[in-house]
Amino acid sequence: MTSLLSDLGTVGTSVLDTVSDVAGVIVAQPLLLLTVGFLFIGGVIGIFGRLLSRS
């Protein structure tokens, strides 16, 4: 069990390192930041639209 938790911690650390690297690249490039911002805002609007249309 200890080795499983250790392996999961290693995988989690690796994933967070990769996510931080990708986020750093996105923030450093204005075109990528703009694109990701539009995609995120569009996703949020879509989710809220679906939630509001159910009522």
Protein backbone atom coordinates (compact mmCIF):
# COMPACT_ATOMS: atom_id res chain seq x y z
CA MET A 1 0.00 0.00 0.00
CA THR A 2 2.86 2.36 0.78
CA SER A 3 4.44 1.78 -2.61
CA LEU A 4 1.10 2.42 -4.36
CA LEU A 5 0.69 5.75 -2.56
CA SER A 6 4.27 6.66 -3.38
CA ASP A 7 3.71 5.85 -7.07
CA LEU A 8 0.48 7.87 -7.10
CA GLY A 9 2.33 10.80 -5.56
CA THR A 10 5.01 10.56 -8.24
CA VAL A 11 2.41 10.50 -11.01
CA GLY A 12 0.54 13.43 -9.46
CA THR A 13 3.72 15.47 -9.21
CA SER A 14 4.58 14.69 -12.83
CA VAL A 15 1.12 15.71 -14.02
CA LEU A 16 1.24 18.98 -12.08
CA ASP A 17 4.69 19.76 -13.48
CA THR A 18 3.42 19.20 -17.03
CA VAL A 19 0.31 21.32 -16.43
CA SER A 20 2.43 24.16 -15.03
CA ASP A 21 4.77 23.98 -18.05
CA VAL A 22 1.82 24.14 -20.47
CA ALA A 23 0.23 27.00 -18.52
CA GLY A 24 3.54 28.88 -18.62
CA VAL A 25 3.75 28.52 -22.40
CA ILE A 26 0.12 29.63 -22.82
CA VAL A 27 0.61 32.71 -20.62
CA ALA A 28 3.86 33.63 -22.39
CA GLN A 29 2.23 33.66 -25.86
CA PRO A 30 -0.53 36.28 -26.30
CA LEU A 31 -2.11 34.46 -29.26
CA LEU A 32 -2.37 31.22 -27.28
CA LEU A 33 -3.72 33.09 -24.27
CA LEU A 34 -6.39 34.75 -26.41
CA THR A 35 -7.37 31.44 -28.02
CA VAL A 36 -7.55 29.55 -24.74
CA GLY A 37 -9.49 32.44 -23.19
CA PHE A 38 -12.10 32.32 -25.97
CA LEU A 39 -12.41 28.55 -25.70
CA PHE A 40 -12.82 28.73 -21.92
CA ILE A 41 -15.41 31.51 -22.09
CA GLY A 42 -17.30 29.65 -24.82
CA GLY A 43 -17.34 26.50 -22.70
CA VAL A 44 -18.62 28.37 -19.66
CA ILE A 45 -21.37 30.02 -21.72
CA GLY A 46 -22.32 26.63 -23.19
CA ILE A 47 -22.52 24.95 -19.79
CA PHE A 48 -24.62 27.77 -18.31
CA GLY A 49 -26.84 27.79 -21.38
CA ARG A 50 -27.55 24.08 -21.01
CA LEU A 51 -28.19 24.43 -17.28
CA LEU A 52 -30.59 27.34 -17.81
CA SER A 53 -32.47 25.64 -20.67
CA ARG A 54 -33.32 22.64 -18.47
CA SER A 55 -35.42 24.70 -16.09
